[in-house]
Amino acid sequence: MSAQLQLLNADAFNHTIKRLCYELIENHNNFKNTVIIGLQPRGIYLCARICKELFNITGLENIPNGHLDVTFYRDDFRRRDSPLVPNRTQIDFIIEDKNVILVDDVLYTGRTIRAGMDALLAFGRPKKVELMVLIDRRYSRHLPIQPDYVGKVVDTINSDNVKVKWNELDGSDEVLMITENHDKL
């Protein structure tokens, strides 16, 4: 049996995205030397929302943004029972000497982010890489990776599952934590 706890409802979800955008504006001003890249598969939704909200706030519509697939850069891609199907990488700009904001929905062990940084180097050497996540699952890292921009920090154990739902994909905006009940016999 499992229990669900809503961490962010739709209003808090949207408020969090706006706050993240204002943090980006504070640090990147006019975004002249900045690109935003969402990690496949679900970081692309946060990336799209961030870009849309940045346009709403600043009127800047030309912030380069794209999607990065990390499938074959993961350290566990050969350890799965079934073959992995890669997602599409969409980066039609140069990242050489740019400030790159790498975006993902949930930071858990850090392995996806490490793979993202490895994959990113195929497109050039960035000036700086920053990490933005909607949810930071503390106490679960396998690698020493910390985000620069965080929507919400959640203390979880390994058996917990954090699910980010996107209106575009799931029909609603919310973040749930699903906890397995381990009743003692």
C-alpha atoms as a PDB file:
ATOM      1  CA  MET A   1       0.000   0.000   0.000  1.00  0.00           C
ATOM      2  CA  SER A   2       1.241   3.503  -0.752  1.00  0.00           C
ATOM      3  CA  ALA A   3       0.335   7.003   0.388  1.00  0.00           C
ATOM      4  CA  GLN A   4       0.434  10.184  -1.693  1.00  0.00           C
ATOM      5  CA  LEU A   5       1.325  13.617  -0.411  1.00  0.00           C
ATOM      6  CA  GLN A   6       0.866  16.652  -2.646  1.00  0.00           C
ATOM      7  CA  LEU A   7       4.028  18.755  -2.439  1.00  0.00           C
ATOM      8  CA  LEU A   8       2.923  21.440  -4.903  1.00  0.00           C
ATOM      9  CA  ASN A   9      -0.571  22.156  -6.195  1.00  0.00           C
ATOM     10  CA  ALA A  10      -1.156  24.011  -9.489  1.00  0.00           C
ATOM     11  CA  ASP A  11      -0.967  27.486  -7.910  1.00  0.00           C
ATOM     12  CA  ALA A  12       2.214  26.735  -5.952  1.00  0.00           C
ATOM     13  CA  PHE A  13       3.650  25.033  -9.049  1.00  0.00           C
ATOM     14  CA  ASN A  14       3.175  28.160 -11.187  1.00  0.00           C
ATOM     15  CA  HIS A  15       4.359  30.471  -8.409  1.00  0.00           C
ATOM     16  CA  THR A  16       7.524  28.380  -8.092  1.00  0.00           C
ATOM     17  CA  ILE A  17       8.237  28.649 -11.817  1.00  0.00           C
ATOM     18  CA  LYS A  18       7.819  32.434 -11.675  1.00  0.00           C
ATOM     19  CA  ARG A  19      10.180  32.657  -8.695  1.00  0.00           C
ATOM     20  CA  LEU A  20      12.779  30.597 -10.550  1.00  0.00           C
ATOM     21  CA  CYS A  21      12.484  32.976 -13.516  1.00  0.00           C
ATOM     22  CA  TYR A  22      13.074  36.019 -11.325  1.00  0.00           C
ATOM     23  CA  GLU A  23      16.178  34.345  -9.900  1.00  0.00           C
ATOM     24  CA  LEU A  24      17.430  33.762 -13.448  1.00  0.00           C
ATOM     25  CA  ILE A  25      16.724  37.374 -14.406  1.00  0.00           C
ATOM     26  CA  GLU A  26      18.634  38.585 -11.363  1.00  0.00           C
ATOM     27  CA  ASN A  27      21.690  36.527 -12.324  1.00  0.00           C
ATOM     28  CA  HIS A  28      21.569  36.687 -16.132  1.00  0.00           C
ATOM     29  CA  ASN A  29      20.037  40.127 -16.748  1.00  0.00           C
ATOM     30  CA  ASN A  30      19.463  40.307 -20.530  1.00  0.00           C
ATOM     31  CA  PHE A  31      20.418  36.645 -21.242  1.00  0.00           C
ATOM     32  CA  LYS A  32      22.799  37.857 -23.966  1.00  0.00           C
ATOM     33  CA  ASN A  33      25.348  35.108 -23.301  1.00  0.00           C
ATOM     34  CA  THR A  34      22.984  32.517 -21.797  1.00  0.00           C
ATOM     35  CA  VAL A  35      21.318  29.377 -23.163  1.00  0.00           C
ATOM     36  CA  ILE A  36      18.771  27.128 -21.453  1.00  0.00           C
ATOM     37  CA  ILE A  37      18.817  23.368 -22.031  1.00  0.00           C
ATOM     38  CA  GLY A  38      16.234  20.911 -20.712  1.00  0.00           C
ATOM     39  CA  LEU A  39      17.236  17.319 -20.039  1.00  0.00           C
ATOM     40  CA  GLN A  40      15.126  14.661 -21.734  1.00  0.00           C
ATOM     41  CA  PRO A  41      12.652  13.302 -20.992  1.00  0.00           C
ATOM     42  CA  ARG A  42      10.903  15.487 -18.373  1.00  0.00           C
ATOM     43  CA  GLY A  43      13.264  18.412 -17.885  1.00  0.00           C
ATOM     44  CA  ILE A  44      12.137  19.715 -21.268  1.00  0.00           C
ATOM     45  CA  TYR A  45       8.749  20.643 -19.788  1.00  0.00           C
ATOM     46  CA  LEU A  46      10.338  22.799 -17.093  1.00  0.00           C
ATOM     47  CA  CYS A  47      12.628  24.318 -19.721  1.00  0.00           C
ATOM     48  CA  ALA A  48       9.643  25.248 -21.928  1.00  0.00           C
ATOM     49  CA  ARG A  49       7.758  26.742 -18.978  1.00  0.00           C
ATOM     50  CA  ILE A  50      10.783  28.751 -17.882  1.00  0.00           C
ATOM     51  CA  CYS A  51      11.294  30.144 -21.396  1.00  0.00           C
ATOM     52  CA  LYS A  52       7.609  31.017 -21.749  1.00  0.00           C
ATOM     53  CA  GLU A  53       7.519  32.750 -18.372  1.00  0.00           C
ATOM     54  CA  LEU A  54      10.771  34.615 -19.076  1.00  0.00           C
ATOM     55  CA  PHE A  55       9.134  35.937 -22.249  1.00  0.00           C
ATOM     56  CA  ASN A  56       6.041  36.980 -20.279  1.00  0.00           C
ATOM     57  CA  ILE A  57       8.154  38.834 -17.706  1.00  0.00           C
ATOM     58  CA  THR A  58      10.906  40.333 -19.888  1.00  0.00           C
ATOM     59  CA  GLY A  59       9.582  40.279 -23.446  1.00  0.00           C
ATOM     60  CA  LEU A  60      12.780  38.501 -24.530  1.00  0.00           C
ATOM     61  CA  GLU A  61      11.776  35.912 -27.098  1.00  0.00           C
ATOM     62  CA  ASN A  62      15.170  34.975 -28.440  1.00  0.00           C
ATOM     63  CA  ILE A  63      16.747  33.185 -25.477  1.00  0.00           C
ATOM     64  CA  PRO A  64      18.351  30.122 -27.079  1.00  0.00           C
ATOM     65  CA  ASN A  65      16.894  26.945 -25.616  1.00  0.00           C
ATOM     66  CA  GLY A  66      16.885  23.287 -26.459  1.00  0.00           C
ATOM     67  CA  HIS A  67      16.604  19.669 -25.358  1.00  0.00           C
ATOM     68  CA  LEU A  68      19.424  17.293 -24.537  1.00  0.00           C
ATOM     69  CA  ASP A  69      19.175  13.504 -24.516  1.00  0.00           C
ATOM     70  CA  VAL A  70      21.569  11.798 -22.097  1.00  0.00           C
ATOM     71  CA  THR A  71      20.585   8.167 -22.729  1.00  0.00           C
ATOM     72  CA  PHE A  72      23.956   6.925 -23.944  1.00  0.00           C
ATOM     73  CA  TYR A  73      25.925   9.061 -21.513  1.00  0.00           C
ATOM     74  CA  ARG A  74      24.354   7.405 -18.467  1.00  0.00           C
ATOM     75  CA  ASP A  75      26.563   5.054 -16.481  1.00  0.00           C
ATOM     76  CA  ASP A  76      23.726   2.518 -16.194  1.00  0.00           C
ATOM     77  CA  PHE A  77      22.432   2.337 -19.779  1.00  0.00           C
ATOM     78  CA  ARG A  78      23.999  -1.107 -20.379  1.00  0.00           C
ATOM     79  CA  ARG A  79      22.661  -2.527 -17.116  1.00  0.00           C
ATOM     80  CA  ARG A  80      19.006  -2.595 -18.087  1.00  0.00           C
ATOM     81  CA  ASP A  81      17.045  -5.655 -19.108  1.00  0.00           C
ATOM     82  CA  SER A  82      15.460  -3.974 -22.120  1.00  0.00           C
ATOM     83  CA  PRO A  83      17.141  -1.747 -24.698  1.00  0.00           C
ATOM     84  CA  LEU A  84      16.809   1.988 -24.099  1.00  0.00           C
ATOM     85  CA  VAL A  85      15.086   4.160 -26.635  1.00  0.00           C
ATOM     86  CA  PRO A  86      16.809   7.534 -26.882  1.00  0.00           C
ATOM     87  CA  ASN A  87      14.927  10.821 -27.008  1.00  0.00           C
ATOM     88  CA  ARG A  88      15.665  13.587 -29.446  1.00  0.00           C
ATOM     89  CA  THR A  89      18.372  16.177 -28.841  1.00  0.00           C
ATOM     90  CA  GLN A  90      17.443  19.626 -30.142  1.00  0.00           C
ATOM     91  CA  ILE A  91      20.296  22.099 -29.847  1.00  0.00           C
ATOM     92  CA  ASP A  92      20.622  24.354 -32.888  1.00  0.00           C
ATOM     93  CA  PHE A  93      22.994  26.878 -31.356  1.00  0.00           C
ATOM     94  CA  ILE A  94      26.579  27.011 -30.148  1.00  0.00           C
ATOM     95  CA  ILE A  95      27.256  26.631 -26.422  1.00  0.00           C
ATOM     96  CA  GLU A  96      30.950  27.465 -26.702  1.00  0.00           C
ATOM     97  CA  ASP A  97      31.797  30.127 -24.093  1.00  0.00           C
ATOM     98  CA  LYS A  98      28.120  30.519 -23.123  1.00  0.00           C
ATOM     99  CA  ASN A  99      26.460  30.378 -19.722  1.00  0.00           C
ATOM    100  CA  VAL A 100      24.401  27.194 -19.835  1.00  0.00           C
ATOM    101  CA  ILE A 101      21.452  26.626 -17.555  1.00  0.00           C
ATOM    102  CA  LEU A 102      20.850  22.877 -17.420  1.00  0.00           C
ATOM    103  CA  VAL A 103      17.244  22.128 -16.436  1.00  0.00           C
ATOM    104  CA  ASP A 104      15.646  18.978 -15.001  1.00  0.00           C
ATOM    105  CA  ASP A 105      12.467  18.289 -13.078  1.00  0.00           C
ATOM    106  CA  VAL A 106      13.850  16.231 -10.152  1.00  0.00           C
ATOM    107  CA  LEU A 107      17.390  15.982  -8.795  1.00  0.00           C
ATOM    108  CA  TYR A 108      17.779  12.632  -7.084  1.00  0.00           C
ATOM    109  CA  THR A 109      21.104  10.748  -7.257  1.00  0.00           C
ATOM    110  CA  GLY A 110      22.854  13.229  -9.537  1.00  0.00           C
ATOM    111  CA  ARG A 111      23.636  10.626 -12.194  1.00  0.00           C
ATOM    112  CA  THR A 112      21.357  12.156 -14.845  1.00  0.00           C
ATOM    113  CA  ILE A 113      22.949  15.559 -14.303  1.00  0.00           C
ATOM    114  CA  ARG A 114      26.448  14.080 -14.612  1.00  0.00           C
ATOM    115  CA  ALA A 115      25.387  12.416 -17.860  1.00  0.00           C
ATOM    116  CA  GLY A 116      23.939  15.729 -19.022  1.00  0.00           C
ATOM    117  CA  MET A 117      27.219  17.521 -18.408  1.00  0.00           C
ATOM    118  CA  ASP A 118      29.084  14.826 -20.352  1.00  0.00           C
ATOM    119  CA  ALA A 119      26.615  15.050 -23.251  1.00  0.00           C
ATOM    120  CA  LEU A 120      26.798  18.840 -23.211  1.00  0.00           C
ATOM    121  CA  LEU A 121      30.512  18.784 -24.017  1.00  0.00           C
ATOM    122  CA  ALA A 122      29.715  17.324 -27.452  1.00  0.00           C
ATOM    123  CA  PHE A 123      28.338  20.793 -28.303  1.00  0.00           C
ATOM    124  CA  GLY A 124      31.322  22.819 -27.112  1.00  0.00           C
ATOM    125  CA  ARG A 125      32.903  24.065 -23.921  1.00  0.00           C
ATOM    126  CA  PRO A 126      30.556  26.306 -21.939  1.00  0.00           C
ATOM    127  CA  LYS A 127      31.829  29.285 -19.979  1.00  0.00           C
ATOM    128  CA  LYS A 128      29.736  28.197 -16.998  1.00  0.00           C
ATOM    129  CA  VAL A 129      27.095  25.551 -16.293  1.00  0.00           C
ATOM    130  CA  GLU A 130      24.341  26.138 -13.749  1.00  0.00           C
ATOM    131  CA  LEU A 131      21.713  23.651 -12.676  1.00  0.00           C
ATOM    132  CA  MET A 132      18.015  24.364 -12.214  1.00  0.00           C
ATOM    133  CA  VAL A 133      15.617  21.771 -10.783  1.00  0.00           C
ATOM    134  CA  LEU A 134      11.994  21.960  -9.780  1.00  0.00           C
ATOM    135  CA  ILE A 135      12.470  19.418  -6.964  1.00  0.00           C
ATOM    136  CA  ASP A 136      15.685  18.694  -5.070  1.00  0.00           C
ATOM    137  CA  ARG A 137      15.526  15.359  -3.251  1.00  0.00           C
ATOM    138  CA  ARG A 138      18.106  15.861  -0.547  1.00  0.00           C
ATOM    139  CA  TYR A 139      19.883  12.986   1.174  1.00  0.00           C
ATOM    140  CA  SER A 140      19.823  10.834  -1.965  1.00  0.00           C
ATOM    141  CA  ARG A 141      22.966  11.862  -3.853  1.00  0.00           C
ATOM    142  CA  HIS A 142      25.404   9.374  -5.279  1.00  0.00           C
ATOM    143  CA  LEU A 143      27.495  12.210  -6.756  1.00  0.00           C
ATOM    144  CA  PRO A 144      28.478  15.626  -5.343  1.00  0.00           C
ATOM    145  CA  ILE A 145      26.055  17.666  -7.466  1.00  0.00           C
ATOM    146  CA  GLN A 146      24.087  20.612  -6.099  1.00  0.00           C
ATOM    147  CA  PRO A 147      21.584  22.815  -7.942  1.00  0.00           C
ATOM    148  CA  ASP A 148      21.968  26.568  -8.345  1.00  0.00           C
ATOM    149  CA  TYR A 149      18.205  27.163  -8.699  1.00  0.00           C
ATOM    150  CA  VAL A 150      15.726  25.060  -6.733  1.00  0.00           C
ATOM    151  CA  GLY A 151      11.951  25.141  -6.813  1.00  0.00           C
ATOM    152  CA  LYS A 152      11.424  23.049  -3.684  1.00  0.00           C
ATOM    153  CA  VAL A 153      13.654  20.957  -1.456  1.00  0.00           C
ATOM    154  CA  VAL A 154      12.175  17.664  -0.286  1.00  0.00           C
ATOM    155  CA  ASP A 155      13.658  15.307   2.274  1.00  0.00           C
ATOM    156  CA  THR A 156      13.035  11.764   1.071  1.00  0.00           C
ATOM    157  CA  ILE A 157      14.200   8.243   1.605  1.00  0.00           C
ATOM    158  CA  ASN A 158      15.142   5.885  -1.218  1.00  0.00           C
ATOM    159  CA  SER A 159      11.790   4.099  -1.240  1.00  0.00           C
ATOM    160  CA  ASP A 160       9.904   7.382  -1.769  1.00  0.00           C
ATOM    161  CA  ASN A 161       9.013   8.436  -5.290  1.00  0.00           C
ATOM    162  CA  VAL A 162       8.585  12.061  -6.389  1.00  0.00           C
ATOM    163  CA  LYS A 163       6.300  12.501  -9.402  1.00  0.00           C
ATOM    164  CA  VAL A 164       6.119  15.810 -11.263  1.00  0.00           C
ATOM    165  CA  LYS A 165       2.946  16.078 -13.316  1.00  0.00           C
ATOM    166  CA  TRP A 166       2.879  18.487 -16.248  1.00  0.00           C
ATOM    167  CA  ASN A 167      -0.372  19.807 -17.677  1.00  0.00           C
ATOM    168  CA  GLU A 168       0.958  19.293 -21.211  1.00  0.00           C
ATOM    169  CA  LEU A 169       1.677  15.638 -20.560  1.00  0.00           C
ATOM    170  CA  ASP A 170      -0.408  14.508 -17.586  1.00  0.00           C
ATOM    171  CA  GLY A 171      -3.393  16.884 -17.643  1.00  0.00           C
ATOM    172  CA  SER A 172      -2.470  18.754 -14.441  1.00  0.00           C
ATOM    173  CA  ASP A 173       0.378  20.647 -12.800  1.00  0.00           C
ATOM    174  CA  GLU A 174       1.353  19.197  -9.450  1.00  0.00           C
ATOM    175  CA  VAL A 175       4.121  17.440  -7.580  1.00  0.00           C
ATOM    176  CA  LEU A 176       3.375  14.312  -5.556  1.00  0.00           C
ATOM    177  CA  MET A 177       5.463  12.284  -3.166  1.00  0.00           C
ATOM    178  CA  ILE A 178       4.452   8.641  -3.128  1.00  0.00           C
ATOM    179  CA  THR A 179       5.530   6.761  -0.034  1.00  0.00           C
ATOM    180  CA  GLU A 180       5.343   3.023   0.337  1.00  0.00           C
ATOM    181  CA  ASN A 181       3.926   1.962   3.682  1.00  0.00           C
ATOM    182  CA  HIS A 182       6.115  -0.672   5.245  1.00  0.00           C
ATOM    183  CA  ASP A 183       3.904  -2.049   7.971  1.00  0.00           C
ATOM    184  CA  LYS A 184       5.624  -4.493  10.266  1.00  0.00           C
ATOM    185  CA  LEU A 185       4.063  -7.927  10.465  1.00  0.00           C
END
